[in-house]
């Protein structure tokens, strides 16, 4: 059976009753944590660069965002699997997920979800008021996203809006306000998600068509590479504008070339008819996110340390 679940040794060494919850939280596949966390770090670095001053409070904020990404990505997976348990049972890649397979009951999943949401709330209230408000505003999107694939051909857009709120929150955690630069960064991250999640959706396009699940992979079809390329081009444009508004230095220019080259490489080597190629190309976006973080940090090195 084709599945992206990974039986890692450290998970298999856990007591048997805990293992299904670790798999439910997708801790065997930390790529989602990276993709949720990295826009937070981009935004923080951009804000410190714009302020021209680095504070060691950044370490504390980075810890909070990391814990928040782990907890809230896990919560999002539980919500997704609760909504999709019947659909997941019909799709080869997802049929072995703990709720779809019956390994975890609905009641057990709800208790686990409640604990995760409480943990996320405890982390959120350690932030400033602007970030707390943003964290509350994204909750309806987190709950609604799994339903999007039933009603729109663009669930990847809803995912992008949901998954990349950190591009706003990171800036606000540093500045305690909001500005155009983080909104452009947020727009870039949404376009990024539209690209990489279209690639990801090509794993399930045949099963999705059979069960009536909608996705950009289905509506774009053979033109998917062209569409993903357009999203990635828009991403580069929004990143460039965000960098310019934040006043980054000239190191951003070669950095943007490297980012563009990585995106072009993704399109070149991705085989839209091969599920394994789709998964590996999707996973390469962690590396892209780290490259963007390095570019933001290096191009913001005009700050003072106190």
Protein backbone atom coordinates (compact mmCIF):
# COMPACT_ATOMS: atom_id res chain seq x y z
CA UNK A 1 0.00 0.00 0.00
CA UNK A 2 1.32 3.46 -0.93
CA UNK A 3 1.47 5.65 2.16
CA UNK A 4 3.59 8.53 3.41
CA UNK A 5 3.46 7.34 7.03
CA UNK A 6 6.93 6.48 8.33
CA UNK A 7 7.51 3.89 11.03
CA UNK A 8 10.43 5.53 12.82
CA UNK A 9 12.32 3.59 15.45
CA UNK A 10 11.85 6.14 18.23
CA UNK A 11 8.08 5.98 17.72
CA UNK A 12 8.02 2.19 17.61
CA UNK A 13 9.95 2.14 20.92
CA UNK A 14 7.16 4.07 22.66
CA UNK A 15 4.50 2.22 24.66
CA UNK A 16 1.94 0.79 22.25
CA UNK A 17 -0.97 2.92 23.48
CA UNK A 18 0.89 6.17 22.69
CA UNK A 19 2.07 5.31 19.19
CA UNK A 20 -1.20 5.99 17.33
CA UNK A 21 -1.36 9.51 18.80
CA UNK A 22 2.18 10.26 17.66
CA UNK A 23 1.24 9.14 14.15
CA UNK A 24 -2.02 11.10 14.36
CA UNK A 25 0.02 14.24 15.16
CA UNK A 26 2.24 13.43 12.11
CA UNK A 27 5.38 13.59 14.25
CA UNK A 28 6.79 10.93 11.94
CA UNK A 29 6.66 13.60 9.21
CA UNK A 30 8.01 16.88 10.61
CA UNK A 31 7.92 18.58 7.19
CA UNK A 32 4.60 20.18 8.15
CA UNK A 33 6.14 21.66 11.30
CA UNK A 34 8.95 23.16 9.23
CA UNK A 35 6.55 24.66 6.69
CA UNK A 36 4.44 26.18 9.47
CA UNK A 37 7.42 27.47 11.46
CA UNK A 38 9.68 28.92 8.80
CA UNK A 39 7.42 31.85 7.78
CA UNK A 40 7.40 32.86 11.49
CA UNK A 41 11.20 32.93 11.45
CA UNK A 42 11.33 34.83 8.14
CA UNK A 43 9.03 37.46 9.57
CA UNK A 44 10.94 37.78 12.85
CA UNK A 45 14.25 38.18 11.01
CA UNK A 46 12.73 40.74 8.64
CA UNK A 47 11.35 42.71 11.59
CA UNK A 48 14.66 42.76 13.44
CA UNK A 49 16.36 43.89 10.26
CA UNK A 50 13.82 46.67 9.74
CA UNK A 51 14.21 47.77 13.37
CA UNK A 52 17.98 47.83 12.99
CA UNK A 53 18.40 46.32 16.46
CA UNK A 54 18.76 42.70 17.51
CA UNK A 55 17.43 41.67 20.92
CA UNK A 56 18.23 38.40 22.65
CA UNK A 57 14.48 38.20 23.27
CA UNK A 58 14.49 36.70 19.76
CA UNK A 59 15.69 33.42 21.30
CA UNK A 60 12.64 33.31 23.59
CA UNK A 61 10.31 34.15 20.71
CA UNK A 62 11.92 31.46 18.54
CA UNK A 63 11.31 28.88 21.30
CA UNK A 64 7.66 29.94 21.62
CA UNK A 65 7.07 29.83 17.86
CA UNK A 66 8.75 26.43 17.62
CA UNK A 67 6.62 24.95 20.38
CA UNK A 68 3.54 26.62 18.91
CA UNK A 69 4.26 25.19 15.45
CA UNK A 70 4.62 21.67 16.84
CA UNK A 71 1.44 21.88 18.90
CA UNK A 72 -0.76 23.65 16.36
CA UNK A 73 0.38 21.58 13.40
CA UNK A 74 -0.50 18.50 15.48
CA UNK A 75 -3.89 20.00 16.32
CA UNK A 76 -4.51 20.80 12.67
CA UNK A 77 -3.75 17.20 11.73
CA UNK A 78 -6.25 15.91 14.30
CA UNK A 79 -8.94 18.31 13.06
CA UNK A 80 -8.21 17.33 9.47
CA UNK A 81 -8.41 13.61 10.24
CA UNK A 82 -11.63 13.98 12.22
CA UNK A 83 -13.34 15.80 9.33
CA UNK A 84 -11.84 13.48 6.70
CA UNK A 85 -12.05 10.10 8.42
CA UNK A 86 -14.53 8.67 5.90
CA UNK A 87 -12.71 10.09 2.88
CA UNK A 88 -9.31 8.97 4.22
CA UNK A 89 -10.58 5.40 4.48
CA UNK A 90 -11.20 5.41 0.71
CA UNK A 91 -7.78 6.78 -0.35
CA UNK A 92 -4.81 4.45 -0.49
CA UNK A 93 -2.26 6.89 0.98
CA UNK A 94 -4.44 7.85 3.97
CA UNK A 95 -6.39 4.66 4.73
CA UNK A 96 -3.93 3.64 7.47
CA UNK A 97 -4.23 6.91 9.41
CA UNK A 98 -5.21 6.18 13.03
CA UNK A 99 -8.75 7.61 12.95
CA UNK A 100 -9.62 6.34 9.46
CA UNK A 101 -8.40 2.85 10.36
CA UNK A 102 -10.25 2.83 13.70
CA UNK A 103 -7.07 2.66 15.77
CA UNK A 104 -8.12 5.85 17.60
CA UNK A 105 -11.75 6.52 18.47
CA UNK A 106 -13.44 9.84 17.76
CA UNK A 107 -13.72 10.48 21.51
CA UNK A 108 -10.03 9.76 22.01
CA UNK A 109 -9.11 12.11 19.16
CA UNK A 110 -11.25 14.90 20.63
CA UNK A 111 -9.61 14.56 24.04
CA UNK A 112 -6.18 14.67 22.40
CA UNK A 113 -7.21 17.70 20.33
CA UNK A 114 -8.46 19.51 23.45
CA UNK A 115 -5.10 18.98 25.15
CA UNK A 116 -3.24 20.30 22.10
CA UNK A 117 -5.44 23.39 21.80
CA UNK A 118 -5.00 24.14 25.50
CA UNK A 119 -1.24 23.87 25.06
CA UNK A 120 -1.39 26.18 22.04
CA UNK A 121 -3.43 28.72 24.02
CA UNK A 122 -0.89 28.67 26.87
CA UNK A 123 1.89 29.42 24.38
CA UNK A 124 -0.12 32.15 22.63
CA UNK A 125 -0.85 34.13 25.81
CA UNK A 126 2.90 34.53 26.39
CA UNK A 127 2.98 36.76 23.29
CA UNK A 128 1.96 40.41 22.99
CA UNK A 129 -1.61 41.54 22.35
CA UNK A 130 -1.23 41.92 18.58
CA UNK A 131 0.00 38.34 18.21
CA UNK A 132 -2.74 37.03 20.53
CA UNK A 133 -5.37 38.71 18.34
CA UNK A 134 -3.85 37.21 15.19
CA UNK A 135 -3.74 33.79 16.84
CA UNK A 136 -7.43 34.01 17.62
CA UNK A 137 -8.28 35.21 14.12
CA UNK A 138 -6.66 32.17 12.49
CA UNK A 139 -8.63 29.61 14.55
CA UNK A 140 -11.71 29.61 12.26
CA UNK A 141 -9.44 28.95 9.28
CA UNK A 142 -7.77 26.03 11.10
CA UNK A 143 -11.17 24.49 11.79
CA UNK A 144 -12.62 25.20 8.34
CA UNK A 145 -9.68 24.24 6.12
CA UNK A 146 -10.40 20.47 6.05
CA UNK A 147 -13.89 21.24 4.73
CA UNK A 148 -12.57 23.39 1.88
CA UNK A 149 -11.77 20.44 -0.37
CA UNK A 150 -15.47 19.57 -0.40
CA UNK A 151 -16.67 22.97 -1.61
CA UNK A 152 -13.93 24.64 -3.62
CA UNK A 153 -11.40 23.68 -6.27
CA UNK A 154 -8.92 25.89 -4.39
CA UNK A 155 -8.43 24.27 -0.97
CA UNK A 156 -4.70 24.99 -1.38
CA UNK A 157 -5.49 28.71 -1.18
CA UNK A 158 -7.33 28.23 2.11
CA UNK A 159 -4.39 26.17 3.38
CA UNK A 160 -2.00 28.95 2.39
CA UNK A 161 -4.04 31.56 4.24
CA UNK A 162 -4.15 29.30 7.31
CA UNK A 163 -0.67 27.86 7.36
CA UNK A 164 1.24 31.11 6.85
CA UNK A 165 -0.24 33.37 9.52
CA UNK A 166 3.18 33.17 11.11
CA UNK A 167 4.43 35.53 8.40
CA UNK A 168 2.31 38.18 10.15
CA UNK A 169 2.77 36.95 13.72
CA UNK A 170 6.58 36.90 13.65
CA UNK A 171 6.72 40.58 12.69
CA UNK A 172 4.09 41.51 15.27
CA UNK A 173 5.93 39.58 18.01
CA UNK A 174 8.93 41.86 17.43
CA UNK A 175 7.25 45.16 16.51
CA UNK A 176 3.89 44.82 18.32
CA UNK A 177 2.22 46.23 15.20
CA UNK A 178 1.55 45.28 11.58
CA UNK A 179 2.87 46.81 8.36
CA UNK A 180 2.85 46.31 4.59
CA UNK A 181 6.13 44.37 4.53
CA UNK A 182 4.79 41.39 6.53
CA UNK A 183 1.59 41.40 4.47
CA UNK A 184 3.72 41.04 1.34
CA UNK A 185 5.68 38.28 3.07
CA UNK A 186 2.35 36.62 3.93
CA UNK A 187 1.28 36.91 0.28
CA UNK A 188 4.57 35.35 -0.83
CA UNK A 189 4.06 32.47 1.60
CA UNK A 190 0.49 31.89 0.37
CA UNK A 191 1.74 31.67 -3.23
CA UNK A 192 4.48 29.30 -2.06
CA UNK A 193 1.86 27.07 -0.44
CA UNK A 194 -0.31 27.16 -3.56
CA UNK A 195 2.70 25.82 -5.45
CA UNK A 196 4.00 23.16 -3.09
CA UNK A 197 0.57 21.88 -2.06
CA UNK A 198 -0.52 21.56 -5.69
CA UNK A 199 2.55 19.37 -6.13
CA UNK A 200 1.61 17.42 -2.99
CA UNK A 201 -2.00 16.96 -4.19
CA UNK A 202 -0.78 15.18 -7.32
CA UNK A 203 -0.11 12.14 -5.11
CA UNK A 204 -3.86 11.61 -4.63
CA UNK A 205 -5.39 12.99 -7.81
CA UNK A 206 -6.84 9.69 -9.03
CA UNK A 207 -8.36 8.78 -5.66
CA UNK A 208 -9.56 12.37 -5.13
CA UNK A 209 -11.38 12.31 -8.46
CA UNK A 210 -13.12 9.05 -7.52
CA UNK A 211 -14.32 10.22 -4.08
CA UNK A 212 -15.20 13.76 -5.16
CA UNK A 213 -12.46 15.66 -3.33
CA UNK A 214 -11.48 18.92 -5.03
CA UNK A 215 -7.94 20.27 -5.50
CA UNK A 216 -5.85 22.52 -7.71
CA UNK A 217 -4.06 19.39 -8.95
CA UNK A 218 -7.33 18.24 -10.51
CA UNK A 219 -8.40 21.55 -12.05
CA UNK A 220 -4.91 22.33 -13.42
CA UNK A 221 -4.25 18.80 -14.67
CA UNK A 222 -1.46 18.64 -17.25
CA UNK A 223 -1.00 22.42 -16.95
CA UNK A 224 0.01 22.11 -13.29
CA UNK A 225 3.67 22.91 -13.92
CA UNK A 226 2.71 26.15 -15.64
CA UNK A 227 0.42 27.15 -12.75
CA UNK A 228 2.95 26.24 -10.08
CA UNK A 229 5.57 28.20 -11.99
CA UNK A 230 3.26 31.23 -12.00
CA UNK A 231 2.70 30.91 -8.25
CA UNK A 232 6.43 30.68 -7.65
CA UNK A 233 7.07 33.72 -9.84
CA UNK A 234 4.51 35.67 -7.80
CA UNK A 235 6.20 34.47 -4.64
CA UNK A 236 9.56 35.87 -5.78
CA UNK A 237 7.92 39.19 -6.68
CA UNK A 238 6.21 39.51 -3.27
CA UNK A 239 9.40 38.53 -1.46
CA UNK A 240 11.32 41.19 -3.38
CA UNK A 241 8.80 43.87 -2.44
CA UNK A 242 8.75 42.78 1.20
CA UNK A 243 12.56 42.92 1.34
CA UNK A 244 12.60 46.36 -0.27
CA UNK A 245 10.04 47.78 2.18
CA UNK A 246 11.92 46.32 5.15
CA UNK A 247 15.15 47.96 3.95
CA UNK A 248 17.30 44.84 3.59
CA UNK A 249 20.79 45.16 2.13
CA UNK A 250 22.05 44.17 -1.31
CA UNK A 251 22.77 40.59 -0.24
CA UNK A 252 19.06 40.02 -0.87
CA UNK A 253 19.62 40.22 -4.64
CA UNK A 254 21.87 37.15 -5.06
CA UNK A 255 19.73 35.49 -2.41
CA UNK A 256 16.62 35.94 -4.52
CA UNK A 257 18.47 34.42 -7.48
CA UNK A 258 19.30 31.34 -5.39
CA UNK A 259 15.68 31.08 -4.24
CA UNK A 260 14.47 31.35 -7.84
CA UNK A 261 16.96 28.71 -8.95
CA UNK A 262 15.68 26.27 -6.33
CA UNK A 263 12.09 26.85 -7.41
CA UNK A 264 13.06 26.32 -11.05
CA UNK A 265 14.82 23.08 -10.06
CA UNK A 266 11.64 21.87 -8.37
CA UNK A 267 9.64 22.38 -11.54
CA UNK A 268 12.31 20.78 -13.73
CA UNK A 269 12.68 17.54 -11.79
CA UNK A 270 9.04 17.06 -10.69
CA UNK A 271 7.25 14.26 -12.56
CA UNK A 272 3.53 15.04 -12.22
CA UNK A 273 2.60 11.41 -12.92
CA UNK A 274 4.83 9.95 -10.17
CA UNK A 275 3.49 10.13 -6.57
CA UNK A 276 6.96 9.58 -5.12
CA UNK A 277 8.35 12.44 -7.20
CA UNK A 278 5.52 14.68 -5.97
CA UNK A 279 6.27 13.80 -2.34
CA UNK A 280 10.03 14.33 -2.67
CA UNK A 281 9.56 17.65 -4.50
CA UNK A 282 7.11 18.78 -1.83
CA UNK A 283 9.57 17.85 0.93
CA UNK A 284 12.33 19.88 -0.74
CA UNK A 285 10.43 23.00 0.30
CA UNK A 286 11.84 22.66 3.80
CA UNK A 287 15.26 23.31 2.28
CA UNK A 288 13.85 26.22 0.30
CA UNK A 289 12.36 27.70 3.48
CA UNK A 290 15.74 27.45 5.21
CA UNK A 291 17.41 29.15 2.23
CA UNK A 292 14.90 32.01 2.47
CA UNK A 293 15.58 32.31 6.21
CA UNK A 294 19.34 32.47 5.57
CA UNK A 295 18.81 35.14 2.90
CA UNK A 296 16.62 37.25 5.21
CA UNK A 297 19.13 37.02 8.07
CA UNK A 298 22.17 37.80 5.91
CA UNK A 299 20.42 40.70 4.17
CA UNK A 300 19.38 42.20 7.51
CA UNK A 301 22.88 42.29 9.05
CA UNK A 302 22.92 46.05 9.54
CA UNK A 303 21.40 45.85 13.03
CA UNK A 304 23.11 46.54 16.36
CA UNK A 305 23.12 44.10 19.27
CA UNK A 306 22.21 45.20 22.78
